[in-house]
């Protein structure tokens, strides 16, 4: 039997029922496989915002111009009000810090219409250009995101 940690036992009374409940809920969200997973508006906004925030931090420096453009996009297009901006940004930063891969966020965005995917890429480009310095990491981030979204940047 595998080692599960100090004092952990694979019993009906232990952690196993809770773990299986989480897996069951996840599988229920997947449905039969014929339907796409439906995400809430909040999930979509968070996913898009994390991709945008990654551009702000891509070169290792958080510049005021990039942050200002990021916040402008959140307010103007993702309907984040000034009152909820601090909380929304905190959630986005936590998500970005927790998950290092782009995949979970691009998976959500990939279910959106092509126009929305192109808009997200356009916003990412806008943020990367807002400080008048285009860093190689920013270019690579936008290109990789486009690839994961199935968007050809040459078109």
C-alpha atoms as a PDB file:
ATOM      1  CA  UNK A   1       0.000   0.000   0.000  1.00  0.00           C
ATOM      2  CA  UNK A   2       1.385   3.468  -0.891  1.00  0.00           C
ATOM      3  CA  UNK A   3       2.502   5.893   1.756  1.00  0.00           C
ATOM      4  CA  UNK A   4      -0.095   8.724   2.038  1.00  0.00           C
ATOM      5  CA  UNK A   5       1.524  10.787   4.738  1.00  0.00           C
ATOM      6  CA  UNK A   6       1.908  10.705   8.478  1.00  0.00           C
ATOM      7  CA  UNK A   7      -1.081   9.066  10.118  1.00  0.00           C
ATOM      8  CA  UNK A   8      -3.162   8.956   6.907  1.00  0.00           C
ATOM      9  CA  UNK A   9      -5.070   5.800   6.286  1.00  0.00           C
ATOM     10  CA  UNK A  10      -7.067   4.824   3.251  1.00  0.00           C
ATOM     11  CA  UNK A  11     -10.270   3.998   5.113  1.00  0.00           C
ATOM     12  CA  UNK A  12     -13.937   4.925   4.748  1.00  0.00           C
ATOM     13  CA  UNK A  13     -13.619   6.984   7.923  1.00  0.00           C
ATOM     14  CA  UNK A  14     -10.481   8.823   6.734  1.00  0.00           C
ATOM     15  CA  UNK A  15      -9.920  11.400   4.037  1.00  0.00           C
ATOM     16  CA  UNK A  16     -10.963   9.123   1.171  1.00  0.00           C
ATOM     17  CA  UNK A  17     -14.711   9.990   1.166  1.00  0.00           C
ATOM     18  CA  UNK A  18     -13.973  13.692   0.926  1.00  0.00           C
ATOM     19  CA  UNK A  19     -11.469  13.124  -1.869  1.00  0.00           C
ATOM     20  CA  UNK A  20     -13.920  10.973  -3.807  1.00  0.00           C
ATOM     21  CA  UNK A  21     -16.654  13.579  -3.335  1.00  0.00           C
ATOM     22  CA  UNK A  22     -14.409  16.207  -4.943  1.00  0.00           C
ATOM     23  CA  UNK A  23     -13.597  13.865  -7.840  1.00  0.00           C
ATOM     24  CA  UNK A  24     -17.296  13.004  -8.266  1.00  0.00           C
ATOM     25  CA  UNK A  25     -18.221  16.709  -8.373  1.00  0.00           C
ATOM     26  CA  UNK A  26     -15.538  17.321 -10.976  1.00  0.00           C
ATOM     27  CA  UNK A  27     -16.773  14.436 -13.119  1.00  0.00           C
ATOM     28  CA  UNK A  28     -20.352  15.669 -12.818  1.00  0.00           C
ATOM     29  CA  UNK A  29     -19.181  19.057 -14.148  1.00  0.00           C
ATOM     30  CA  UNK A  30     -17.656  17.291 -17.128  1.00  0.00           C
ATOM     31  CA  UNK A  31     -21.007  15.761 -18.035  1.00  0.00           C
ATOM     32  CA  UNK A  32     -21.217  13.039 -20.618  1.00  0.00           C
ATOM     33  CA  UNK A  33     -18.320  14.379 -22.658  1.00  0.00           C
ATOM     34  CA  UNK A  34     -20.666  15.565 -25.411  1.00  0.00           C
ATOM     35  CA  UNK A  35     -21.164  18.958 -23.768  1.00  0.00           C
ATOM     36  CA  UNK A  36     -18.580  21.616 -23.072  1.00  0.00           C
ATOM     37  CA  UNK A  37     -17.956  22.466 -19.454  1.00  0.00           C
ATOM     38  CA  UNK A  38     -19.899  25.580 -18.570  1.00  0.00           C
ATOM     39  CA  UNK A  39     -17.982  28.125 -16.536  1.00  0.00           C
ATOM     40  CA  UNK A  40     -19.486  30.993 -14.655  1.00  0.00           C
ATOM     41  CA  UNK A  41     -18.925  34.550 -15.792  1.00  0.00           C
ATOM     42  CA  UNK A  42     -16.569  34.997 -12.831  1.00  0.00           C
ATOM     43  CA  UNK A  43     -14.429  32.092 -13.947  1.00  0.00           C
ATOM     44  CA  UNK A  44     -14.183  33.546 -17.447  1.00  0.00           C
ATOM     45  CA  UNK A  45     -13.268  36.978 -16.159  1.00  0.00           C
ATOM     46  CA  UNK A  46     -10.684  35.539 -13.780  1.00  0.00           C
ATOM     47  CA  UNK A  47      -9.168  33.365 -16.529  1.00  0.00           C
ATOM     48  CA  UNK A  48      -8.889  36.310 -18.918  1.00  0.00           C
ATOM     49  CA  UNK A  49      -7.530  38.573 -16.171  1.00  0.00           C
ATOM     50  CA  UNK A  50      -4.853  36.026 -15.178  1.00  0.00           C
ATOM     51  CA  UNK A  51      -3.652  35.848 -18.783  1.00  0.00           C
ATOM     52  CA  UNK A  52      -3.513  39.652 -18.888  1.00  0.00           C
ATOM     53  CA  UNK A  53      -1.759  39.859 -15.528  1.00  0.00           C
ATOM     54  CA  UNK A  54       0.874  37.410 -16.743  1.00  0.00           C
ATOM     55  CA  UNK A  55       1.883  40.021 -19.342  1.00  0.00           C
ATOM     56  CA  UNK A  56       2.284  42.645 -16.607  1.00  0.00           C
ATOM     57  CA  UNK A  57       4.715  40.365 -14.765  1.00  0.00           C
ATOM     58  CA  UNK A  58       6.319  38.605 -17.770  1.00  0.00           C
ATOM     59  CA  UNK A  59       9.560  40.584 -17.779  1.00  0.00           C
ATOM     60  CA  UNK A  60       9.972  40.395 -14.006  1.00  0.00           C
ATOM     61  CA  UNK A  61       9.112  44.061 -13.487  1.00  0.00           C
ATOM     62  CA  UNK A  62       5.672  45.448 -12.716  1.00  0.00           C
ATOM     63  CA  UNK A  63       5.627  48.787 -14.484  1.00  0.00           C
ATOM     64  CA  UNK A  64       3.042  51.436 -13.678  1.00  0.00           C
ATOM     65  CA  UNK A  65       2.065  51.875 -17.349  1.00  0.00           C
ATOM     66  CA  UNK A  66       1.351  48.161 -17.756  1.00  0.00           C
ATOM     67  CA  UNK A  67      -0.595  48.016 -14.516  1.00  0.00           C
ATOM     68  CA  UNK A  68      -2.645  51.066 -15.524  1.00  0.00           C
ATOM     69  CA  UNK A  69      -3.524  49.537 -18.924  1.00  0.00           C
ATOM     70  CA  UNK A  70      -4.361  46.217 -17.243  1.00  0.00           C
ATOM     71  CA  UNK A  71      -6.732  47.953 -14.827  1.00  0.00           C
ATOM     72  CA  UNK A  72      -8.268  49.962 -17.652  1.00  0.00           C
ATOM     73  CA  UNK A  73      -9.052  46.745 -19.533  1.00  0.00           C
ATOM     74  CA  UNK A  74     -10.505  45.145 -16.405  1.00  0.00           C
ATOM     75  CA  UNK A  75     -12.755  48.145 -15.866  1.00  0.00           C
ATOM     76  CA  UNK A  76     -13.756  48.839 -19.477  1.00  0.00           C
ATOM     77  CA  UNK A  77     -14.137  45.332 -20.872  1.00  0.00           C
ATOM     78  CA  UNK A  78     -14.391  42.860 -17.992  1.00  0.00           C
ATOM     79  CA  UNK A  79     -16.794  45.055 -16.011  1.00  0.00           C
ATOM     80  CA  UNK A  80     -14.707  45.193 -12.850  1.00  0.00           C
ATOM     81  CA  UNK A  81     -15.929  48.222 -10.943  1.00  0.00           C
ATOM     82  CA  UNK A  82     -13.522  50.505  -9.088  1.00  0.00           C
ATOM     83  CA  UNK A  83     -15.092  49.299  -5.824  1.00  0.00           C
ATOM     84  CA  UNK A  84     -14.275  45.656  -6.530  1.00  0.00           C
ATOM     85  CA  UNK A  85     -10.902  46.236  -8.237  1.00  0.00           C
ATOM     86  CA  UNK A  86      -8.705  45.499  -5.192  1.00  0.00           C
ATOM     87  CA  UNK A  87     -10.520  42.260  -4.354  1.00  0.00           C
ATOM     88  CA  UNK A  88     -10.601  41.157  -8.001  1.00  0.00           C
ATOM     89  CA  UNK A  89      -6.879  41.851  -8.416  1.00  0.00           C
ATOM     90  CA  UNK A  90      -6.097  39.910  -5.246  1.00  0.00           C
ATOM     91  CA  UNK A  91      -8.002  36.893  -6.554  1.00  0.00           C
ATOM     92  CA  UNK A  92      -6.271  37.151  -9.931  1.00  0.00           C
ATOM     93  CA  UNK A  93      -2.831  37.367  -8.290  1.00  0.00           C
ATOM     94  CA  UNK A  94      -3.605  34.361  -6.084  1.00  0.00           C
ATOM     95  CA  UNK A  95      -4.702  32.351  -9.125  1.00  0.00           C
ATOM     96  CA  UNK A  96      -1.623  33.416 -11.075  1.00  0.00           C
ATOM     97  CA  UNK A  97       0.658  32.513  -8.161  1.00  0.00           C
ATOM     98  CA  UNK A  98      -1.070  29.189  -7.499  1.00  0.00           C
ATOM     99  CA  UNK A  99      -1.045  27.938 -11.078  1.00  0.00           C
ATOM    100  CA  UNK A 100       2.160  28.545 -13.017  1.00  0.00           C
ATOM    101  CA  UNK A 101       0.882  27.010 -16.258  1.00  0.00           C
ATOM    102  CA  UNK A 102      -1.167  28.942 -18.817  1.00  0.00           C
ATOM    103  CA  UNK A 103      -3.183  25.853 -19.673  1.00  0.00           C
ATOM    104  CA  UNK A 104      -6.001  26.029 -17.079  1.00  0.00           C
ATOM    105  CA  UNK A 105      -6.726  29.628 -18.054  1.00  0.00           C
ATOM    106  CA  UNK A 106      -6.421  29.138 -21.799  1.00  0.00           C
ATOM    107  CA  UNK A 107      -8.672  26.081 -21.493  1.00  0.00           C
ATOM    108  CA  UNK A 108     -11.450  28.310 -20.153  1.00  0.00           C
ATOM    109  CA  UNK A 109     -10.840  31.045 -22.725  1.00  0.00           C
ATOM    110  CA  UNK A 110     -10.607  28.483 -25.558  1.00  0.00           C
ATOM    111  CA  UNK A 111     -14.317  27.713 -25.054  1.00  0.00           C
ATOM    112  CA  UNK A 112     -15.177  31.322 -25.889  1.00  0.00           C
ATOM    113  CA  UNK A 113     -15.947  32.714 -29.348  1.00  0.00           C
ATOM    114  CA  UNK A 114     -13.000  33.380 -31.675  1.00  0.00           C
ATOM    115  CA  UNK A 115     -13.617  37.129 -31.437  1.00  0.00           C
ATOM    116  CA  UNK A 116     -13.182  36.990 -27.663  1.00  0.00           C
ATOM    117  CA  UNK A 117      -9.961  34.988 -27.967  1.00  0.00           C
ATOM    118  CA  UNK A 118      -8.600  37.521 -30.441  1.00  0.00           C
ATOM    119  CA  UNK A 119      -9.629  40.357 -28.116  1.00  0.00           C
ATOM    120  CA  UNK A 120      -7.748  38.773 -25.198  1.00  0.00           C
ATOM    121  CA  UNK A 121      -4.636  38.490 -27.365  1.00  0.00           C
ATOM    122  CA  UNK A 122      -5.069  42.103 -28.457  1.00  0.00           C
ATOM    123  CA  UNK A 123      -5.317  43.217 -24.821  1.00  0.00           C
ATOM    124  CA  UNK A 124      -2.198  41.207 -24.003  1.00  0.00           C
ATOM    125  CA  UNK A 125      -0.375  42.977 -26.839  1.00  0.00           C
ATOM    126  CA  UNK A 126      -1.669  46.367 -25.638  1.00  0.00           C
ATOM    127  CA  UNK A 127      -0.388  45.751 -22.122  1.00  0.00           C
ATOM    128  CA  UNK A 128       3.011  44.606 -23.397  1.00  0.00           C
ATOM    129  CA  UNK A 129       3.372  47.776 -25.496  1.00  0.00           C
ATOM    130  CA  UNK A 130       2.043  50.188 -22.854  1.00  0.00           C
ATOM    131  CA  UNK A 131       5.471  50.772 -21.283  1.00  0.00           C
ATOM    132  CA  UNK A 132       7.120  51.346 -24.696  1.00  0.00           C
ATOM    133  CA  UNK A 133       9.372  48.324 -24.079  1.00  0.00           C
ATOM    134  CA  UNK A 134       8.592  45.042 -25.769  1.00  0.00           C
ATOM    135  CA  UNK A 135      10.346  42.279 -23.853  1.00  0.00           C
ATOM    136  CA  UNK A 136      11.108  38.888 -25.380  1.00  0.00           C
ATOM    137  CA  UNK A 137       9.205  37.151 -22.544  1.00  0.00           C
ATOM    138  CA  UNK A 138       6.111  39.212 -23.366  1.00  0.00           C
ATOM    139  CA  UNK A 139       6.340  38.259 -27.048  1.00  0.00           C
ATOM    140  CA  UNK A 140       6.730  34.578 -26.135  1.00  0.00           C
ATOM    141  CA  UNK A 141       3.829  34.744 -23.676  1.00  0.00           C
ATOM    142  CA  UNK A 142       1.437  36.203 -26.250  1.00  0.00           C
ATOM    143  CA  UNK A 143       2.603  33.716 -28.893  1.00  0.00           C
ATOM    144  CA  UNK A 144       2.218  30.727 -26.551  1.00  0.00           C
ATOM    145  CA  UNK A 145      -1.225  31.907 -25.434  1.00  0.00           C
ATOM    146  CA  UNK A 146      -2.304  32.253 -29.073  1.00  0.00           C
ATOM    147  CA  UNK A 147      -1.052  28.747 -29.756  1.00  0.00           C
ATOM    148  CA  UNK A 148      -2.991  27.325 -26.800  1.00  0.00           C
ATOM    149  CA  UNK A 149      -6.105  29.206 -27.934  1.00  0.00           C
ATOM    150  CA  UNK A 150      -5.731  27.880 -31.471  1.00  0.00           C
ATOM    151  CA  UNK A 151      -5.312  31.364 -32.951  1.00  0.00           C
ATOM    152  CA  UNK A 152      -2.868  32.003 -35.791  1.00  0.00           C
ATOM    153  CA  UNK A 153      -1.176  35.354 -35.119  1.00  0.00           C
ATOM    154  CA  UNK A 154      -0.171  35.654 -38.776  1.00  0.00           C
ATOM    155  CA  UNK A 155      -3.801  36.168 -39.857  1.00  0.00           C
END
